[in-house]
Amino acid sequence: MNPLGSSLPDDFARQAKLAPVPLYLRSIFSTLPEHLALDAAVGGSARDLPLAARQLVKLSLISDQLVLREASPAPFGEPLRLTVSRAERSYSPTLEELGRGITYVARRILESLFTGPEFSGLIERLAFQSSNLATLRSITNFMLESTDVDQALYIMLSGITSGYSLGFNRVALFIWDEERQVLRGSKAIGPYDETEAHRIWEAIEYEDKNIEALIADYANRRFDTRFQQHVQGIELRPSGLPDDEVSLALTARDPVRFRQAVSKNPGLARLAPGGEFILAVLKPHGSTLGLIFADNRYNRAPISPDQLGYFGFFIDQTALVWENLALLERVAALARQDALTGVLSRRELESRMATELARCQRHERPCSLIVADIDFFKQVNDRGGHAAGDEMLRRLGFLLRCTMRADDVVGRWGGDEFVVLMPETRRESAVSAAERLGRLARQMDLSLSIGVAAWPRDCAQTSSLFETADASLYRAKAEGRGRLCAPGEPALRFADADTPG
């Protein structure tokens, strides 16, 4: 940062640091063929000065090609005088010009100090495209590095709100629910109200965070969640009204810009869009994933044609990454789950058991294990074929998923043998759960043999827990099947348990 920044009045220096400067303008001034000098004469309150004045001074503090040469008090009666010069040419924007915004002022600087008015427009467009491509590259890389689809989606949304890219005030993602045929509010980034908006923007600008830092914040959920909570309570569906915005967006190939004070779609109206807003359907390979909403509710900045065009390009590219990540997550979920019964696969079961057993041993908390298999299962396959056996396994898998607690680890060990690890559970509770399982199975025409064991009651090491429970299972089979055994206890026949009295 230019050391002359310290000679600015403290209030003006702070307000300049807080001023947001679009990345494409930073790019323009960083690619100038020669250095420009800025002389600033400041008087009055910095808060009353046009935003463009503060932005121009910030540019001189962070750019190598625009240098703050002198800072001095303004002549009596003048609130501000800024002069940008190059060799014998100079340009001093009026207050009226500053009121038209930093983009206009930047263009006038280039037109006044360089030959060829077309030069400024061309470099501006190229810089805008360059900055957005760079941001897209960063976002895509972050998304691809993520193994969490939720995290990847927050990263995607960050590119729509970040000042380094599209720069919208708010963005919300609605995910398509195929079963209910509705778009459910899922994730959102942006301020909940105007006070929050200014607090967020001031923090970002004053700290001058780069795109990587902003993406990291959003990826790790370091942002205000009130707007997201509001979005999660909203569902969008076509209303059937003429010109319904959701209907138009779902049937359009490109993002649609709407300019209206009140939304016709009832769900969309709950977002209270800020005059102009965009809806874009995410539809890679023709399959609808969701819908993106974005607006500038708080600064009321107009949506430019370049911004609208790049919005579509950005959505198309990141939607493809989302689709691929979702596919990988589904594949990983299938690997964790036994496809036939819906409980954990052998590999995932062993991994989860190792983790839970180590935790219980470390904290000296009891844990119990239930091992169960279907009696005479081979005869079922021999008489009815594998289809009959598969149906029986599916029924037992469903019963286990419905009867066991959320914290229990339920999986298929192999064939017709199933395992339930019950962390922080004593043997008495495990026996009660196993007994209930056996009785319910009988009501579904399933005969089970079950073995139960607990650590540290029945074995000295957690590594011996499965062997101990499995020995109880084999005792249950040896004593006639259709019963439950635990170390040192008589077998419990499920038929006896069903008998009153």
Protein backbone atom coordinates (compact mmCIF):
# COMPACT_ATOMS: atom_id res chain seq x y z
CA MET A 1 0.00 0.00 0.00
CA ASN A 2 1.29 3.49 -0.88
CA PRO A 3 2.98 5.13 2.16
CA LEU A 4 1.44 8.49 1.26
CA GLY A 5 -1.89 7.01 2.33
CA SER A 6 -0.86 7.91 5.88
CA SER A 7 -0.95 11.64 5.01
CA LEU A 8 -4.67 11.48 4.23
CA PRO A 9 -7.07 12.62 6.99
CA ASP A 10 -7.74 9.61 9.23
CA ASP A 11 -11.49 9.60 8.57
CA PHE A 12 -11.02 9.78 4.80
CA ALA A 13 -8.32 7.09 4.84
CA ARG A 14 -10.66 4.74 6.71
CA GLN A 15 -13.58 5.46 4.38
CA ALA A 16 -11.31 4.89 1.38
CA LYS A 17 -10.22 1.51 2.74
CA LEU A 18 -13.86 0.53 3.20
CA ALA A 19 -14.79 1.45 -0.38
CA PRO A 20 -15.44 -1.58 -2.61
CA VAL A 21 -13.41 -1.56 -5.82
CA PRO A 22 -14.51 -4.07 -8.51
CA LEU A 23 -11.78 -6.45 -9.56
CA TYR A 24 -12.11 -5.58 -13.23
CA LEU A 25 -11.24 -1.93 -12.42
CA ARG A 26 -8.25 -3.11 -10.42
CA SER A 27 -7.25 -5.10 -13.50
CA ILE A 28 -7.64 -2.10 -15.81
CA PHE A 29 -5.38 0.10 -13.71
CA SER A 30 -2.86 -2.69 -13.21
CA THR A 31 -2.47 -3.08 -17.00
CA LEU A 32 -2.03 0.61 -17.88
CA PRO A 33 1.01 1.24 -20.11
CA GLU A 34 2.23 4.12 -17.88
CA HIS A 35 1.96 5.27 -14.29
CA LEU A 36 -0.72 7.81 -13.40
CA ALA A 37 -0.47 10.22 -10.47
CA LEU A 38 -3.35 11.18 -8.17
CA ASP A 39 -3.34 14.39 -6.18
CA ALA A 40 -6.04 14.61 -3.51
CA ALA A 41 -7.20 17.73 -1.70
CA VAL A 42 -9.79 16.80 0.90
CA GLY A 43 -12.04 18.97 3.06
CA GLY A 44 -15.21 18.39 5.04
CA SER A 45 -16.62 15.07 6.21
CA ALA A 46 -15.43 11.98 4.35
CA ARG A 47 -18.84 10.33 4.83
CA ASP A 48 -20.45 13.08 2.71
CA LEU A 49 -18.09 12.54 -0.23
CA PRO A 50 -19.19 10.48 -3.27
CA LEU A 51 -18.38 6.79 -3.16
CA ALA A 52 -16.44 7.08 -6.43
CA ALA A 53 -14.03 9.55 -4.78
CA ARG A 54 -13.26 7.08 -2.02
CA GLN A 55 -12.93 4.26 -4.55
CA LEU A 56 -10.48 6.27 -6.66
CA VAL A 57 -8.30 6.99 -3.63
CA LYS A 58 -8.41 3.30 -2.66
CA LEU A 59 -7.27 2.43 -6.18
CA SER A 60 -4.28 4.72 -5.68
CA LEU A 61 -3.46 2.95 -2.43
CA ILE A 62 -3.58 -0.60 -3.83
CA SER A 63 -2.51 -0.16 -7.46
CA ASP A 64 1.03 -0.03 -8.82
CA GLN A 65 0.03 2.04 -11.84
CA LEU A 66 -2.10 4.71 -10.11
CA VAL A 67 0.02 6.38 -7.42
CA LEU A 68 -1.15 8.79 -4.75
CA ARG A 69 1.40 11.55 -5.25
CA GLU A 70 0.13 14.21 -2.89
CA ALA A 71 -2.58 14.52 -0.23
CA SER A 72 -3.39 17.98 1.15
CA PRO A 73 -6.28 19.97 2.68
CA ALA A 74 -8.78 21.32 0.16
CA PRO A 75 -9.05 25.10 -0.39
CA PHE A 76 -11.58 26.81 1.86
CA GLY A 77 -15.13 26.10 0.70
CA GLU A 78 -14.20 23.11 -1.47
CA PRO A 79 -15.14 19.65 -0.12
CA LEU A 80 -12.87 17.78 -2.53
CA ARG A 81 -10.51 18.12 -5.45
CA LEU A 82 -9.03 15.04 -7.15
CA THR A 83 -6.62 15.32 -10.08
CA VAL A 84 -5.27 12.41 -12.09
CA SER A 85 -2.37 13.28 -14.36
CA ARG A 86 -0.04 11.75 -16.95
CA ALA A 87 2.77 13.81 -18.44
CA GLU A 88 1.14 17.07 -19.63
CA ARG A 89 -2.44 15.79 -19.45
CA SER A 90 -4.69 15.83 -16.42
CA TYR A 91 -8.28 15.19 -15.48
CA SER A 92 -10.21 16.43 -12.42
CA PRO A 93 -13.66 14.83 -12.02
CA THR A 94 -16.44 17.12 -10.88
CA LEU A 95 -18.76 16.19 -8.03
CA GLU A 96 -21.45 15.52 -10.63
CA GLU A 97 -19.14 13.10 -12.47
CA LEU A 98 -18.15 11.42 -9.24
CA GLY A 99 -21.83 10.95 -8.51
CA ARG A 100 -22.15 8.90 -11.70
CA GLY A 101 -19.96 6.17 -10.26
CA ILE A 102 -16.41 4.87 -10.34
CA THR A 103 -16.84 3.08 -13.68
CA TYR A 104 -17.78 6.34 -15.39
CA VAL A 105 -14.90 8.18 -13.69
CA ALA A 106 -12.43 5.48 -14.69
CA ARG A 107 -13.59 5.68 -18.29
CA ARG A 108 -13.20 9.48 -18.30
CA ILE A 109 -9.69 9.13 -16.86
CA LEU A 110 -8.67 6.82 -19.70
CA GLU A 111 -10.38 8.93 -22.38
CA SER A 112 -8.73 12.12 -21.10
CA LEU A 113 -5.25 10.76 -20.55
CA PHE A 114 -4.95 8.25 -23.39
CA THR A 115 -5.80 8.50 -27.06
CA GLY A 116 -8.67 6.51 -28.46
CA PRO A 117 -11.97 6.51 -26.54
CA GLU A 118 -12.58 2.94 -27.59
CA PHE A 119 -9.54 1.89 -25.62
CA SER A 120 -11.28 2.24 -22.25
CA GLY A 121 -14.37 0.25 -23.25
CA LEU A 122 -12.29 -2.56 -24.72
CA ILE A 123 -9.98 -2.91 -21.76
CA GLU A 124 -12.92 -2.79 -19.37
CA ARG A 125 -14.70 -5.67 -21.08
CA LEU A 126 -11.50 -7.72 -21.32
CA ALA A 127 -10.70 -7.12 -17.67
CA PHE A 128 -14.21 -8.09 -16.59
CA GLN A 129 -14.03 -11.32 -18.54
CA SER A 130 -10.53 -12.03 -17.27
CA SER A 131 -11.45 -11.53 -13.62
CA ASN A 132 -14.53 -13.70 -13.90
CA LEU A 133 -12.64 -16.46 -15.66
CA ALA A 134 -10.02 -16.35 -12.94
CA THR A 135 -12.72 -16.54 -10.28
CA LEU A 136 -14.46 -19.39 -12.06
CA ARG A 137 -11.15 -21.24 -12.19
CA SER A 138 -10.63 -20.75 -8.44
CA ILE A 139 -14.18 -21.81 -7.63
CA THR A 140 -14.05 -24.86 -9.89
CA ASN A 141 -10.75 -25.94 -8.34
CA PHE A 142 -12.15 -25.53 -4.82
CA MET A 143 -15.30 -27.48 -5.77
CA LEU A 144 -13.28 -30.31 -7.31
CA GLU A 145 -11.04 -30.50 -4.26
CA SER A 146 -14.06 -30.78 -1.99
CA THR A 147 -15.42 -34.22 -1.11
CA ASP A 148 -18.54 -32.73 0.49
CA VAL A 149 -21.34 -31.77 -1.91
CA ASP A 150 -22.79 -29.28 0.58
CA GLN A 151 -19.43 -27.53 0.88
CA ALA A 152 -19.07 -27.47 -2.92
CA LEU A 153 -22.48 -25.83 -3.27
CA TYR A 154 -21.55 -23.07 -0.82
CA ILE A 155 -18.41 -22.49 -2.86
CA MET A 156 -20.53 -22.23 -6.01
CA LEU A 157 -22.81 -19.65 -4.38
CA SER A 158 -19.81 -17.65 -3.19
CA GLY A 159 -18.88 -16.93 -6.80
CA ILE A 160 -22.27 -15.32 -7.39
CA THR A 161 -22.06 -13.02 -4.35
CA SER A 162 -18.33 -12.33 -4.26
CA GLY A 163 -17.25 -8.86 -5.35
CA TYR A 164 -14.44 -10.57 -7.23
CA SER A 165 -16.95 -12.18 -9.57
CA LEU A 166 -20.62 -11.47 -10.21
CA GLY A 167 -21.05 -9.47 -7.02
CA PHE A 168 -24.77 -9.96 -6.27
CA ASN A 169 -26.02 -8.99 -2.81
CA ARG A 170 -27.90 -12.25 -2.23
CA VAL A 171 -28.10 -15.69 -3.79
CA ALA A 172 -30.32 -18.66 -2.93
CA LEU A 173 -30.32 -22.25 -4.18
CA PHE A 174 -33.53 -24.25 -4.50
CA ILE A 175 -33.06 -28.00 -5.07
CA TRP A 176 -35.51 -29.99 -7.19
CA ASP A 177 -37.48 -32.56 -5.19
CA GLU A 178 -38.46 -35.15 -7.78
CA GLU A 179 -40.88 -36.99 -5.51
CA ARG A 180 -42.87 -33.91 -4.49
CA GLN A 181 -42.32 -32.00 -7.75
CA VAL A 182 -41.25 -28.86 -5.93
CA LEU A 183 -38.13 -26.70 -5.55
CA ARG A 184 -37.03 -26.72 -1.90
CA GLY A 185 -35.04 -23.87 -0.39
CA SER A 186 -31.66 -25.36 0.47
CA LYS A 187 -28.72 -22.96 0.74
CA ALA A 188 -28.24 -19.22 0.63
CA ILE A 189 -25.56 -16.58 1.07
CA GLY A 190 -26.23 -12.93 1.73
CA PRO A 191 -27.39 -10.47 4.38
CA TYR A 192 -30.70 -10.91 6.17
CA ASP A 193 -31.28 -7.16 6.39
CA GLU A 194 -29.64 -3.86 5.47
CA THR A 195 -27.73 -3.54 8.74
CA GLU A 196 -26.21 -6.96 8.22
CA ALA A 197 -25.41 -6.06 4.61
CA HIS A 198 -23.30 -3.06 5.57
CA ARG A 199 -21.56 -4.96 8.36
CA ILE A 200 -20.56 -7.80 6.00
CA TRP A 201 -19.41 -5.54 3.18
CA GLU A 202 -17.38 -3.29 5.46
CA ALA A 203 -15.61 -6.30 6.99
CA ILE A 204 -14.80 -7.75 3.56
CA GLU A 205 -13.59 -4.48 2.09
CA TYR A 206 -11.64 -3.27 5.11
CA GLU A 207 -9.79 -6.58 5.39
CA ASP A 208 -9.48 -6.62 1.57
CA LYS A 209 -10.02 -10.39 1.43
CA ASN A 210 -9.10 -12.11 -1.81
CA ILE A 211 -11.34 -14.64 -3.55
CA GLU A 212 -9.57 -17.61 -1.94
CA ALA A 213 -10.20 -16.23 1.55
CA LEU A 214 -13.85 -15.54 0.76
CA ILE A 215 -14.35 -19.01 -0.71
CA ALA A 216 -12.76 -20.56 2.39
CA ASP A 217 -15.14 -18.58 4.62
CA TYR A 218 -18.20 -19.73 2.71
CA ALA A 219 -16.98 -23.32 2.35
CA ASN A 220 -16.62 -23.53 6.14
CA ARG A 221 -20.01 -21.88 6.76
CA ARG A 222 -18.47 -18.71 8.23
CA PHE A 223 -21.31 -16.36 7.32
CA ASP A 224 -24.60 -15.14 8.73
CA THR A 225 -27.20 -17.91 8.44
CA ARG A 226 -30.44 -15.99 8.99
CA PHE A 227 -31.07 -15.47 5.28
CA GLN A 228 -30.41 -19.16 4.67
CA GLN A 229 -32.86 -20.13 7.43
CA HIS A 230 -35.47 -17.93 5.75
CA VAL A 231 -34.80 -19.55 2.37
CA GLN A 232 -35.05 -23.06 3.83
CA GLY A 233 -38.65 -22.32 4.79
CA ILE A 234 -39.60 -21.53 1.19
CA GLU A 235 -40.78 -23.86 -1.57
CA LEU A 236 -41.12 -22.77 -5.19
CA ARG A 237 -43.56 -24.24 -7.67
CA PRO A 238 -45.24 -22.78 -10.77
CA SER A 239 -48.38 -20.95 -9.68
CA GLY A 240 -50.27 -21.21 -12.97
CA LEU A 241 -50.59 -17.41 -13.11
CA PRO A 242 -49.72 -15.62 -16.36
CA ASP A 243 -46.04 -14.66 -16.50
CA ASP A 244 -45.22 -16.64 -13.36
CA GLU A 245 -41.49 -16.14 -12.88
CA VAL A 246 -40.71 -19.71 -11.79
CA SER A 247 -42.56 -21.14 -14.81
CA LEU A 248 -40.67 -18.84 -17.15
CA ALA A 249 -37.30 -19.70 -15.59
CA LEU A 250 -37.90 -23.47 -15.72
CA THR A 251 -38.71 -23.36 -19.42
CA ALA A 252 -35.91 -20.93 -20.41
CA ARG A 253 -32.55 -22.10 -21.71
CA ASP A 254 -30.67 -19.12 -20.23
CA PRO A 255 -30.93 -17.13 -16.99
CA VAL A 256 -33.90 -14.77 -16.99
CA ARG A 257 -33.75 -11.20 -15.67
CA PHE A 258 -36.95 -9.82 -14.15
CA ARG A 259 -37.70 -6.15 -13.50
CA GLN A 260 -40.72 -5.80 -11.24
CA ALA A 261 -41.51 -4.52 -7.78
CA VAL A 262 -43.74 -7.42 -6.74
CA SER A 263 -43.23 -11.08 -7.68
CA LYS A 264 -46.19 -12.96 -9.10
CA ASN A 265 -45.03 -16.32 -7.78
CA PRO A 266 -46.14 -16.59 -4.10
CA GLY A 267 -43.03 -18.47 -2.96
CA LEU A 268 -40.70 -16.06 -4.71
CA ALA A 269 -42.54 -13.09 -3.20
CA ARG A 270 -41.40 -14.24 0.25
CA LEU A 271 -37.85 -13.35 -0.79
CA ALA A 272 -38.93 -9.74 -1.43
CA PRO A 273 -36.65 -9.31 -4.47
CA GLY A 274 -34.96 -5.96 -4.87
CA GLY A 275 -36.53 -4.63 -8.08
CA GLU A 276 -34.30 -6.57 -10.48
CA PHE A 277 -33.46 -10.22 -9.97
CA ILE A 278 -32.27 -13.27 -11.88
CA LEU A 279 -33.60 -16.82 -11.95
CA ALA A 280 -31.51 -19.53 -13.57
CA VAL A 281 -32.32 -23.23 -13.83
CA LEU A 282 -29.43 -25.65 -13.28
CA LYS A 283 -29.98 -28.32 -15.90
CA PRO A 284 -26.79 -30.12 -16.96
CA HIS A 285 -27.49 -32.86 -19.52
CA GLY A 286 -31.20 -31.98 -19.48
CA SER A 287 -31.85 -33.09 -15.89
CA THR A 288 -33.08 -30.37 -13.51
CA LEU A 289 -30.94 -30.09 -10.38
CA GLY A 290 -32.27 -26.84 -9.01
CA LEU A 291 -32.89 -23.13 -9.44
CA ILE A 292 -30.70 -20.16 -8.53
CA PHE A 293 -32.12 -16.82 -7.38
CA ALA A 294 -29.89 -13.71 -7.20
CA ASP A 295 -30.57 -10.02 -6.65
CA ASN A 296 -29.13 -6.72 -5.42
CA ARG A 297 -31.72 -5.97 -2.78
CA TYR A 298 -29.55 -3.68 -0.67
CA ASN A 299 -27.44 -1.60 -3.04
CA ARG A 300 -30.06 -1.66 -5.86
CA ALA A 301 -27.30 -1.92 -8.46
CA PRO A 302 -28.67 -2.60 -11.95
CA ILE A 303 -27.91 -5.94 -13.56
CA SER A 304 -25.80 -5.28 -16.65
CA PRO A 305 -25.97 -7.32 -19.87
CA ASP A 306 -22.38 -8.50 -19.28
CA GLN A 307 -23.31 -9.62 -15.77
CA LEU A 308 -26.37 -11.48 -17.04
CA GLY A 309 -24.40 -13.20 -19.81
CA TYR A 310 -21.61 -14.27 -17.54
CA PHE A 311 -24.13 -15.51 -14.96
CA GLY A 312 -25.30 -18.16 -17.44
CA PHE A 313 -21.76 -19.22 -18.28
CA PHE A 314 -20.86 -19.48 -14.60
CA ILE A 315 -23.97 -21.52 -13.74
CA ASP A 316 -23.43 -23.95 -16.63
CA GLN A 317 -19.84 -24.69 -15.64
CA THR A 318 -20.36 -25.07 -11.90
CA ALA A 319 -23.56 -27.12 -12.37
CA LEU A 320 -21.52 -29.72 -14.24
CA VAL A 321 -19.10 -29.92 -11.30
CA TRP A 322 -22.06 -30.24 -8.91
CA GLU A 323 -23.55 -33.04 -10.99
CA ASN A 324 -20.26 -34.94 -11.00
CA LEU A 325 -19.76 -34.52 -7.25
CA ALA A 326 -23.32 -35.66 -6.55
CA LEU A 327 -22.72 -38.74 -8.69
CA LEU A 328 -19.50 -39.54 -6.81
CA GLU A 329 -21.32 -39.10 -3.50
CA ARG A 330 -24.06 -41.51 -4.59
CA VAL A 331 -21.41 -44.05 -5.62
CA ALA A 332 -19.66 -43.63 -2.26
CA ALA A 333 -22.98 -44.04 -0.43
CA LEU A 334 -23.64 -47.25 -2.34
CA ALA A 335 -20.22 -48.53 -1.32
CA ARG A 336 -21.07 -47.82 2.33
CA GLN A 337 -24.47 -49.48 2.14
CA ASP A 338 -25.50 -53.06 1.49
CA ALA A 339 -27.65 -52.73 -1.63
CA LEU A 340 -30.03 -55.58 -0.76
CA THR A 341 -30.83 -54.83 2.88
CA GLY A 342 -30.15 -51.08 3.26
CA VAL A 343 -27.85 -51.54 6.28
CA LEU A 344 -24.10 -50.90 6.28
CA SER A 345 -21.83 -52.98 4.05
CA ARG A 346 -19.18 -55.26 5.61
CA ARG A 347 -16.34 -52.78 4.91
CA GLU A 348 -18.20 -49.77 6.33
CA LEU A 349 -19.42 -51.82 9.29
CA GLU A 350 -15.89 -52.87 10.23
CA SER A 351 -14.65 -49.27 9.89
CA ARG A 352 -17.44 -47.85 12.06
CA MET A 353 -17.05 -50.62 14.63
CA ALA A 354 -13.32 -49.92 14.96
CA THR A 355 -14.00 -46.22 15.53
CA GLU A 356 -16.76 -46.72 18.09
CA LEU A 357 -14.97 -49.48 19.99
CA ALA A 358 -11.83 -47.34 20.24
CA ARG A 359 -13.90 -44.40 21.49
CA CYS A 360 -15.67 -46.48 24.14
CA GLN A 361 -12.38 -47.97 25.33
CA ARG A 362 -10.68 -44.55 25.42
CA HIS A 363 -13.46 -43.04 27.53
CA GLU A 364 -14.08 -46.25 29.50
CA ARG A 365 -17.69 -46.47 28.37
CA PRO A 366 -19.47 -49.84 28.00
CA CYS A 367 -20.58 -51.19 24.63
CA SER A 368 -22.54 -54.22 23.51
CA LEU A 369 -22.74 -56.30 20.36
CA ILE A 370 -25.64 -58.27 18.89
CA VAL A 371 -24.96 -60.93 16.26
CA ALA A 372 -27.99 -62.50 14.54
CA ASP A 373 -28.67 -64.79 11.64
CA ILE A 374 -31.69 -66.40 10.00
CA ASP A 375 -32.43 -69.99 10.94
CA PHE A 376 -32.52 -72.59 8.17
CA PHE A 377 -31.68 -69.93 5.59
CA LYS A 378 -30.06 -72.46 3.24
CA GLN A 379 -33.30 -74.45 3.16
CA VAL A 380 -35.20 -71.27 2.21
CA ASN A 381 -32.87 -70.79 -0.76
CA ASP A 382 -33.08 -74.48 -1.71
CA ARG A 383 -36.90 -74.55 -1.63
CA GLY A 384 -37.81 -71.10 -2.94
CA GLY A 385 -34.68 -70.06 -4.81
CA HIS A 386 -32.49 -67.03 -4.24
CA ALA A 387 -35.41 -64.66 -4.80
CA ALA A 388 -37.11 -66.05 -1.67
CA GLY A 389 -33.88 -65.76 0.28
CA ASP A 390 -33.31 -62.17 -0.90
CA GLU A 391 -36.83 -61.23 0.16
CA MET A 392 -36.18 -62.63 3.64
CA LEU A 393 -32.93 -60.66 3.90
CA ARG A 394 -34.70 -57.47 2.81
CA ARG A 395 -37.35 -57.95 5.51
CA LEU A 396 -34.74 -58.45 8.20
CA GLY A 397 -32.79 -55.40 6.98
CA PHE A 398 -35.97 -53.32 7.15
CA LEU A 399 -36.72 -54.61 10.66
CA LEU A 400 -33.23 -53.75 11.90
CA ARG A 401 -33.38 -50.23 10.45
CA CYS A 402 -36.74 -49.63 12.12
CA THR A 403 -36.01 -51.09 15.57
CA MET A 404 -32.43 -50.05 16.32
CA ARG A 405 -31.50 -46.63 17.70
CA ALA A 406 -30.00 -43.89 15.54
CA ASP A 407 -26.62 -44.22 17.32
CA ASP A 408 -26.44 -48.01 16.84
CA VAL A 409 -24.16 -49.32 14.10
CA VAL A 410 -26.14 -51.84 12.02
CA GLY A 411 -24.60 -53.83 9.18
CA ARG A 412 -24.58 -57.05 7.24
CA TRP A 413 -21.58 -59.19 8.13
CA GLY A 414 -22.12 -61.59 5.28
CA GLY A 415 -24.71 -64.05 3.97
CA ASP A 416 -27.59 -64.07 6.46
CA GLU A 417 -25.54 -62.82 9.43
CA PHE A 418 -26.13 -59.30 10.76
CA VAL A 419 -24.34 -57.27 13.45
CA VAL A 420 -25.52 -54.44 15.69
CA LEU A 421 -22.95 -52.51 17.74
CA MET A 422 -24.55 -50.53 20.58
CA PRO A 423 -22.10 -47.90 21.91
CA GLU A 424 -22.37 -46.86 25.58
CA THR A 425 -24.86 -49.67 26.22
CA ARG A 426 -24.74 -52.26 29.00
CA ARG A 427 -25.57 -55.91 28.39
CA GLU A 428 -29.01 -55.74 30.03
CA SER A 429 -30.19 -53.11 27.55
CA ALA A 430 -28.67 -54.99 24.62
CA VAL A 431 -30.42 -58.22 25.68
CA SER A 432 -33.74 -56.34 25.86
CA ALA A 433 -33.20 -54.92 22.37
CA ALA A 434 -32.21 -58.34 20.99
CA GLU A 435 -35.23 -59.97 22.62
CA ARG A 436 -37.55 -57.41 21.05
CA LEU A 437 -35.88 -57.97 17.68
CA GLY A 438 -36.41 -61.72 17.91
CA ARG A 439 -40.09 -61.40 18.88
CA LEU A 440 -40.83 -58.93 16.07
CA ALA A 441 -39.02 -61.17 13.60
CA ARG A 442 -41.28 -64.11 14.58
CA GLN A 443 -44.30 -61.91 13.80
CA MET A 444 -42.82 -61.48 10.30
CA ASP A 445 -42.33 -65.26 9.93
CA LEU A 446 -38.58 -64.95 10.49
CA SER A 447 -36.79 -67.25 12.93
CA LEU A 448 -33.59 -65.74 14.32
CA SER A 449 -30.76 -67.03 16.45
CA ILE A 450 -29.07 -64.21 18.35
CA GLY A 451 -25.91 -63.88 20.40
CA VAL A 452 -25.16 -60.96 22.71
CA ALA A 453 -21.97 -59.87 24.51
CA ALA A 454 -20.81 -56.71 26.26
CA TRP A 455 -17.48 -55.06 27.02
CA PRO A 456 -15.99 -54.99 29.60
CA ARG A 457 -18.41 -57.40 31.31
CA ASP A 458 -17.93 -60.39 29.01
CA CYS A 459 -14.43 -59.84 27.59
CA ALA A 460 -11.26 -58.07 28.66
CA GLN A 461 -10.52 -56.43 25.31
CA THR A 462 -12.86 -54.74 22.81
CA SER A 463 -11.08 -56.71 20.08
CA SER A 464 -12.62 -59.90 21.56
CA LEU A 465 -16.20 -58.56 21.61
CA PHE A 466 -17.25 -59.96 18.23
CA GLU A 467 -15.74 -63.38 18.99
CA THR A 468 -17.60 -63.50 22.32
CA ALA A 469 -20.96 -62.51 20.81
CA ASP A 470 -20.46 -64.94 17.93
CA ALA A 471 -19.84 -67.78 20.41
CA SER A 472 -23.18 -66.90 22.05
CA LEU A 473 -24.84 -67.05 18.63
CA TYR A 474 -23.49 -70.55 17.98
CA ARG A 475 -24.71 -71.68 21.42
CA ALA A 476 -28.19 -70.39 20.51
CA LYS A 477 -28.10 -72.47 17.34
CA ALA A 478 -26.78 -75.53 19.15
CA GLU A 479 -29.56 -75.32 21.75
CA GLY A 480 -32.29 -75.43 19.09
CA ARG A 481 -32.35 -72.08 17.23
CA GLY A 482 -35.04 -69.39 17.54
CA ARG A 483 -33.51 -68.14 20.76
CA LEU A 484 -31.10 -65.62 22.33
CA CYS A 485 -27.94 -66.41 24.30
CA ALA A 486 -25.57 -64.25 26.36
CA PRO A 487 -22.46 -65.42 28.30
CA GLY A 488 -23.32 -67.13 31.57
CA GLU A 489 -27.09 -66.80 31.08
CA PRO A 490 -29.69 -69.44 30.12
CA ALA A 491 -31.01 -69.25 26.56
CA LEU A 492 -34.26 -67.36 25.96
CA ARG A 493 -36.62 -68.93 23.41
CA PHE A 494 -38.58 -66.33 21.49
CA ALA A 495 -41.60 -68.65 21.38
CA ASP A 496 -41.53 -68.71 25.21
CA ALA A 497 -41.28 -64.93 25.28
CA ASP A 498 -44.45 -64.74 23.19
CA THR A 499 -46.39 -66.93 25.62
CA PRO A 500 -48.48 -64.99 28.18
CA GLY A 501 -47.69 -65.59 31.82
